[in-house]
Every structure is written in structure tokens, then in C-alpha cells.
Amino acid sequence: MARDLSAYLQDIPDACNSTEDVMSGISLEDYRNKRAVRSAIEREFIIIGKALRRVSFLDETLFSSISNSRAIVDFRNLLAHDYGAIDDDAVFGLVYSDLIVLKAEVGELLDSWHDAN
């Protein structure tokens, strides 16, 4: 069964919430030294990037309205295809900066989507 736009949008805050759960109490040093934590966080970023890619196919205007949507998809591609180039410090920083904004933006879009439907 094909998923609709709202399902892909919902994947994004779900992945953000999972990231918050995993990162609770994790310092940068912990992040650098715990492969399982890095893998979990990178997996959530991959989910976010793939969900946004699907959104781009379904509604390019909506995709473009999400801050840094193209960069997020590109980051997903880097994680999936060139994992050796990943900077752990940068990923750690993204968790505490960009994901907060993304989660809020997509949450507002979902609220509007549900109000309209």
C-alpha cells in the first residue's frame, strides 16, 4: 500500500524524537566513542532524508518550504553512500541545532495538513 504525504511528514518528527531519546545524556565525547549511538543517530538522519526525498516527489512546493530540505537530502546521501566522510562533531552539532528547527517546521505542516483534511 502506498504511503501518503502525511505519513512521510510524520516520519520526520518521529525520527527527531528517537534522536532526542538516544542522545539524552550523551556528551560529544560519548558520541565520538560509542559506535552504536552514532549508528542510531545516523540511521534517524537517513530516515529523515529519505522521507524528505519522498515529500519532494509528492509535493515539490511543500518540500521547498522546509528549511534546508535539499541539504538534508544531500546529507542523507552522504551518510548512505560515503560514510567515511562523516564528521562526528558536525553530526552531533546538527542534533542540537538543525533538528530542533526541522521538527518544529514539520510539526506545523502536519498540524495544517490535519486541519485541512
N, C-alpha and C. Protein backbone atom coordinates (compact mmCIF):
# COMPACT_ATOMS: atom_id res chain seq x y z
N MET A 1 0.83 -1.18 0.00
CA MET A 1 0.00 0.00 0.00
C MET A 1 0.88 1.25 0.00
N ALA A 2 0.61 2.15 -0.89
CA ALA A 2 1.37 3.38 -1.00
C ALA A 2 1.11 4.29 0.21
N ARG A 3 2.15 4.94 0.65
CA ARG A 3 2.03 5.88 1.76
C ARG A 3 1.70 7.26 1.20
N ASP A 4 0.99 8.04 1.99
CA ASP A 4 0.66 9.39 1.54
C ASP A 4 1.65 10.41 2.12
N LEU A 5 1.50 11.62 1.69
CA LEU A 5 2.39 12.70 2.09
C LEU A 5 2.47 12.84 3.60
N SER A 6 1.35 12.77 4.28
CA SER A 6 1.36 12.96 5.74
C SER A 6 2.16 11.87 6.43
N ALA A 7 2.16 10.66 5.89
CA ALA A 7 2.94 9.57 6.50
C ALA A 7 4.43 9.87 6.42
N TYR A 8 4.88 10.37 5.27
CA TYR A 8 6.29 10.73 5.14
C TYR A 8 6.64 11.92 6.03
N LEU A 9 5.74 12.89 6.10
CA LEU A 9 5.98 14.01 7.00
C LEU A 9 6.06 13.55 8.45
N GLN A 10 5.21 12.62 8.85
CA GLN A 10 5.20 12.13 10.22
C GLN A 10 6.49 11.37 10.57
N ASP A 11 7.10 10.75 9.58
CA ASP A 11 8.37 10.07 9.82
C ASP A 11 9.44 11.03 10.35
N ILE A 12 9.35 12.27 9.97
CA ILE A 12 10.38 13.24 10.34
C ILE A 12 10.36 13.57 11.84
N PRO A 13 9.24 14.01 12.42
CA PRO A 13 9.26 14.24 13.87
C PRO A 13 9.45 12.95 14.66
N ASP A 14 8.99 11.83 14.12
CA ASP A 14 9.23 10.55 14.80
C ASP A 14 10.73 10.27 14.90
N ALA A 15 11.45 10.51 13.80
CA ALA A 15 12.91 10.30 13.81
C ALA A 15 13.60 11.33 14.71
N CYS A 16 13.09 12.56 14.72
CA CYS A 16 13.64 13.58 15.62
C CYS A 16 13.46 13.17 17.08
N ASN A 17 12.29 12.65 17.41
CA ASN A 17 12.03 12.20 18.78
C ASN A 17 12.94 11.04 19.16
N SER A 18 13.13 10.12 18.25
CA SER A 18 14.02 9.00 18.50
C SER A 18 15.45 9.49 18.74
N THR A 19 15.86 10.47 17.94
CA THR A 19 17.19 11.05 18.10
C THR A 19 17.33 11.69 19.48
N GLU A 20 16.32 12.42 19.90
CA GLU A 20 16.34 13.03 21.23
C GLU A 20 16.47 11.96 22.31
N ASP A 21 15.73 10.86 22.17
CA ASP A 21 15.80 9.78 23.15
C ASP A 21 17.21 9.19 23.23
N VAL A 22 17.79 8.90 22.07
CA VAL A 22 19.12 8.30 22.03
C VAL A 22 20.17 9.25 22.60
N MET A 23 20.05 10.53 22.30
CA MET A 23 21.07 11.49 22.69
C MET A 23 20.92 12.00 24.13
N SER A 24 19.87 11.61 24.81
CA SER A 24 19.68 12.05 26.19
C SER A 24 20.87 11.62 27.05
N GLY A 25 21.55 12.61 27.60
CA GLY A 25 22.68 12.33 28.48
C GLY A 25 23.98 11.99 27.76
N ILE A 26 24.02 12.10 26.44
CA ILE A 26 25.20 11.75 25.66
C ILE A 26 26.03 13.01 25.39
N SER A 27 27.26 12.99 25.84
CA SER A 27 28.18 14.11 25.58
C SER A 27 28.83 13.91 24.21
N LEU A 28 29.51 14.94 23.75
CA LEU A 28 30.23 14.83 22.49
C LEU A 28 31.26 13.70 22.56
N GLU A 29 31.93 13.59 23.66
CA GLU A 29 32.93 12.52 23.84
C GLU A 29 32.26 11.15 23.79
N ASP A 30 31.12 11.02 24.46
CA ASP A 30 30.36 9.76 24.39
C ASP A 30 29.99 9.45 22.94
N TYR A 31 29.51 10.48 22.25
CA TYR A 31 29.09 10.30 20.87
C TYR A 31 30.25 9.81 20.01
N ARG A 32 31.40 10.43 20.18
CA ARG A 32 32.58 10.03 19.40
C ARG A 32 32.98 8.58 19.67
N ASN A 33 32.81 8.14 20.91
CA ASN A 33 33.34 6.83 21.33
C ASN A 33 32.35 5.68 21.29
N LYS A 34 31.08 5.96 21.03
CA LYS A 34 30.07 4.90 21.05
C LYS A 34 29.49 4.70 19.65
N ARG A 35 30.00 3.69 18.98
CA ARG A 35 29.56 3.44 17.61
C ARG A 35 28.07 3.18 17.52
N ALA A 36 27.52 2.46 18.50
CA ALA A 36 26.09 2.15 18.46
C ALA A 36 25.25 3.43 18.50
N VAL A 37 25.68 4.40 19.27
CA VAL A 37 24.96 5.67 19.35
C VAL A 37 25.08 6.40 18.00
N ARG A 38 26.30 6.47 17.46
CA ARG A 38 26.48 7.13 16.16
C ARG A 38 25.63 6.45 15.09
N SER A 39 25.61 5.13 15.10
CA SER A 39 24.83 4.38 14.11
C SER A 39 23.34 4.68 14.24
N ALA A 40 22.86 4.74 15.46
CA ALA A 40 21.44 5.04 15.68
C ALA A 40 21.08 6.43 15.18
N ILE A 41 21.92 7.39 15.48
CA ILE A 41 21.66 8.77 15.06
C ILE A 41 21.75 8.88 13.54
N GLU A 42 22.76 8.28 12.96
CA GLU A 42 22.89 8.33 11.51
C GLU A 42 21.70 7.67 10.83
N ARG A 43 21.19 6.58 11.40
CA ARG A 43 20.01 5.91 10.84
C ARG A 43 18.80 6.85 10.85
N GLU A 44 18.61 7.58 11.92
CA GLU A 44 17.49 8.52 12.01
C GLU A 44 17.64 9.64 10.98
N PHE A 45 18.88 10.12 10.78
CA PHE A 45 19.10 11.12 9.74
C PHE A 45 18.80 10.55 8.35
N ILE A 46 19.13 9.30 8.14
CA ILE A 46 18.82 8.65 6.86
C ILE A 46 17.31 8.58 6.64
N ILE A 47 16.58 8.23 7.69
CA ILE A 47 15.11 8.19 7.60
C ILE A 47 14.57 9.57 7.27
N ILE A 48 15.06 10.59 7.95
CA ILE A 48 14.61 11.96 7.70
C ILE A 48 14.88 12.35 6.25
N GLY A 49 16.09 12.10 5.78
CA GLY A 49 16.44 12.46 4.42
C GLY A 49 15.62 11.73 3.38
N LYS A 50 15.37 10.44 3.63
CA LYS A 50 14.57 9.66 2.68
C LYS A 50 13.12 10.14 2.70
N ALA A 51 12.60 10.44 3.88
CA ALA A 51 11.22 10.95 3.97
C ALA A 51 11.10 12.27 3.20
N LEU A 52 12.07 13.15 3.37
CA LEU A 52 12.04 14.42 2.64
C LEU A 52 12.16 14.20 1.14
N ARG A 53 12.94 13.24 0.74
CA ARG A 53 13.05 12.94 -0.70
C ARG A 53 11.70 12.51 -1.25
N ARG A 54 10.98 11.68 -0.49
CA ARG A 54 9.65 11.26 -0.92
C ARG A 54 8.69 12.45 -0.96
N VAL A 55 8.81 13.34 0.01
CA VAL A 55 7.98 14.55 0.01
C VAL A 55 8.27 15.35 -1.26
N SER A 56 9.53 15.42 -1.66
CA SER A 56 9.87 16.19 -2.87
C SER A 56 9.19 15.62 -4.11
N PHE A 57 9.03 14.31 -4.18
CA PHE A 57 8.34 13.70 -5.31
C PHE A 57 6.84 13.98 -5.27
N LEU A 58 6.29 14.05 -4.08
CA LEU A 58 4.84 14.21 -3.93
C LEU A 58 4.38 15.67 -3.97
N ASP A 59 5.22 16.58 -3.46
CA ASP A 59 4.83 17.99 -3.42
C ASP A 59 6.09 18.85 -3.35
N GLU A 60 6.59 19.23 -4.51
CA GLU A 60 7.84 20.00 -4.60
C GLU A 60 7.73 21.34 -3.85
N THR A 61 6.57 21.96 -3.90
CA THR A 61 6.38 23.24 -3.21
C THR A 61 6.51 23.07 -1.70
N LEU A 62 5.88 22.04 -1.17
CA LEU A 62 5.99 21.76 0.26
C LEU A 62 7.44 21.44 0.63
N PHE A 63 8.08 20.61 -0.17
CA PHE A 63 9.48 20.27 0.05
C PHE A 63 10.34 21.53 0.12
N SER A 64 10.13 22.44 -0.80
CA SER A 64 10.91 23.67 -0.86
C SER A 64 10.63 24.60 0.31
N SER A 65 9.48 24.44 0.94
CA SER A 65 9.12 25.30 2.07
C SER A 65 9.81 24.88 3.37
N ILE A 66 10.41 23.72 3.38
CA ILE A 66 11.09 23.21 4.58
C ILE A 66 12.54 23.67 4.54
N SER A 67 12.97 24.35 5.59
CA SER A 67 14.34 24.88 5.64
C SER A 67 15.37 23.78 5.41
N ASN A 68 16.30 24.09 4.54
CA ASN A 68 17.44 23.20 4.26
C ASN A 68 17.05 21.82 3.75
N SER A 69 15.87 21.71 3.14
CA SER A 69 15.41 20.40 2.70
C SER A 69 16.38 19.74 1.73
N ARG A 70 16.88 20.49 0.77
CA ARG A 70 17.84 19.92 -0.19
C ARG A 70 19.11 19.47 0.52
N ALA A 71 19.63 20.27 1.44
CA ALA A 71 20.84 19.91 2.17
C ALA A 71 20.63 18.67 3.03
N ILE A 72 19.43 18.51 3.58
CA ILE A 72 19.13 17.34 4.40
C ILE A 72 19.13 16.08 3.54
N VAL A 73 18.54 16.16 2.36
CA VAL A 73 18.55 15.01 1.45
C VAL A 73 19.99 14.70 1.02
N ASP A 74 20.76 15.72 0.74
CA ASP A 74 22.16 15.52 0.36
C ASP A 74 22.94 14.89 1.51
N PHE A 75 22.66 15.31 2.73
CA PHE A 75 23.33 14.73 3.90
C PHE A 75 22.96 13.25 4.04
N ARG A 76 21.70 12.92 3.80
CA ARG A 76 21.28 11.52 3.83
C ARG A 76 22.09 10.71 2.82
N ASN A 77 22.28 11.27 1.63
CA ASN A 77 23.04 10.57 0.60
C ASN A 77 24.49 10.38 1.02
N LEU A 78 25.06 11.36 1.67
CA LEU A 78 26.43 11.25 2.19
C LEU A 78 26.50 10.13 3.23
N LEU A 79 25.56 10.10 4.16
CA LEU A 79 25.54 9.06 5.18
C LEU A 79 25.43 7.67 4.57
N ALA A 80 24.57 7.55 3.56
CA ALA A 80 24.31 6.24 2.97
C ALA A 80 25.41 5.78 2.02
N HIS A 81 26.08 6.72 1.36
CA HIS A 81 26.98 6.34 0.28
C HIS A 81 28.44 6.70 0.49
N ASP A 82 28.73 7.58 1.44
CA ASP A 82 30.11 7.99 1.67
C ASP A 82 30.35 8.16 3.16
N TYR A 83 29.98 7.12 3.91
CA TYR A 83 30.02 7.21 5.38
C TYR A 83 31.41 7.54 5.93
N GLY A 84 32.45 7.26 5.19
CA GLY A 84 33.80 7.59 5.66
C GLY A 84 34.07 9.08 5.74
N ALA A 85 33.25 9.87 5.08
CA ALA A 85 33.44 11.32 5.07
C ALA A 85 32.65 12.01 6.18
N ILE A 86 32.01 11.26 7.04
CA ILE A 86 31.17 11.84 8.09
C ILE A 86 32.02 12.44 9.20
N ASP A 87 31.70 13.65 9.57
CA ASP A 87 32.36 14.34 10.69
C ASP A 87 31.46 14.20 11.91
N ASP A 88 31.90 13.38 12.87
CA ASP A 88 31.07 13.11 14.04
C ASP A 88 30.72 14.37 14.82
N ASP A 89 31.65 15.30 14.93
CA ASP A 89 31.37 16.54 15.64
C ASP A 89 30.26 17.34 14.95
N ALA A 90 30.29 17.34 13.62
CA ALA A 90 29.25 18.07 12.87
C ALA A 90 27.89 17.40 13.05
N VAL A 91 27.84 16.07 13.01
CA VAL A 91 26.57 15.37 13.20
C VAL A 91 26.03 15.66 14.60
N PHE A 92 26.89 15.61 15.60
CA PHE A 92 26.49 15.92 16.96
C PHE A 92 25.89 17.32 17.03
N GLY A 93 26.51 18.27 16.37
CA GLY A 93 26.01 19.64 16.35
C GLY A 93 24.66 19.76 15.67
N LEU A 94 24.46 19.01 14.59
CA LEU A 94 23.18 19.05 13.88
C LEU A 94 22.02 18.62 14.78
N VAL A 95 22.30 17.68 15.64
CA VAL A 95 21.24 17.19 16.54
C VAL A 95 20.71 18.33 17.40
N TYR A 96 21.59 19.21 17.83
CA TYR A 96 21.19 20.27 18.75
C TYR A 96 20.90 21.61 18.08
N SER A 97 20.96 21.64 16.76
CA SER A 97 20.63 22.88 16.07
C SER A 97 19.55 22.63 15.02
N ASP A 98 19.91 22.00 13.95
CA ASP A 98 19.01 21.85 12.81
C ASP A 98 17.79 20.97 13.09
N LEU A 99 17.95 19.92 13.88
CA LEU A 99 16.80 19.05 14.12
C LEU A 99 15.70 19.74 14.90
N ILE A 100 16.06 20.64 15.76
CA ILE A 100 15.06 21.38 16.53
C ILE A 100 14.17 22.21 15.59
N VAL A 101 14.82 22.89 14.65
CA VAL A 101 14.09 23.70 13.68
C VAL A 101 13.24 22.82 12.77
N LEU A 102 13.84 21.74 12.27
CA LEU A 102 13.12 20.83 11.37
C LEU A 102 11.89 20.24 12.05
N LYS A 103 12.06 19.78 13.26
CA LYS A 103 10.93 19.18 13.99
C LYS A 103 9.79 20.19 14.16
N ALA A 104 10.12 21.42 14.49
CA ALA A 104 9.09 22.45 14.68
C ALA A 104 8.39 22.77 13.36
N GLU A 105 9.16 22.94 12.29
CA GLU A 105 8.57 23.26 10.99
C GLU A 105 7.64 22.15 10.51
N VAL A 106 8.11 20.93 10.58
CA VAL A 106 7.30 19.81 10.09
C VAL A 106 6.09 19.60 11.00
N GLY A 107 6.25 19.84 12.28
CA GLY A 107 5.11 19.76 13.20
C GLY A 107 4.01 20.73 12.80
N GLU A 108 4.40 21.95 12.44
CA GLU A 108 3.42 22.95 11.99
C GLU A 108 2.77 22.52 10.68
N LEU A 109 3.55 21.97 9.77
CA LEU A 109 2.99 21.49 8.50
C LEU A 109 1.99 20.36 8.73
N LEU A 110 2.33 19.46 9.64
CA LEU A 110 1.41 18.35 9.95
C LEU A 110 0.13 18.87 10.58
N ASP A 111 0.25 19.84 11.48
CA ASP A 111 -0.95 20.43 12.08
C ASP A 111 -1.85 21.04 11.01
N SER A 112 -1.24 21.78 10.08
CA SER A 112 -2.01 22.37 8.97
C SER A 112 -2.62 21.30 8.09
N TRP A 113 -1.87 20.26 7.82
CA TRP A 113 -2.35 19.14 6.99
C TRP A 113 -3.58 18.50 7.63
N HIS A 114 -3.48 18.24 8.94
CA HIS A 114 -4.60 17.58 9.64
C HIS A 114 -5.81 18.51 9.74
N ASP A 115 -5.57 19.80 9.91
CA ASP A 115 -6.68 20.75 9.96
C ASP A 115 -7.41 20.84 8.62
N ALA A 116 -6.64 20.71 7.53
CA ALA A 116 -7.22 20.82 6.19
C ALA A 116 -7.93 19.54 5.75
N ASN A 117 -7.57 18.43 6.34
CA ASN A 117 -8.14 17.14 5.89
C ASN A 117 -9.03 16.51 6.93
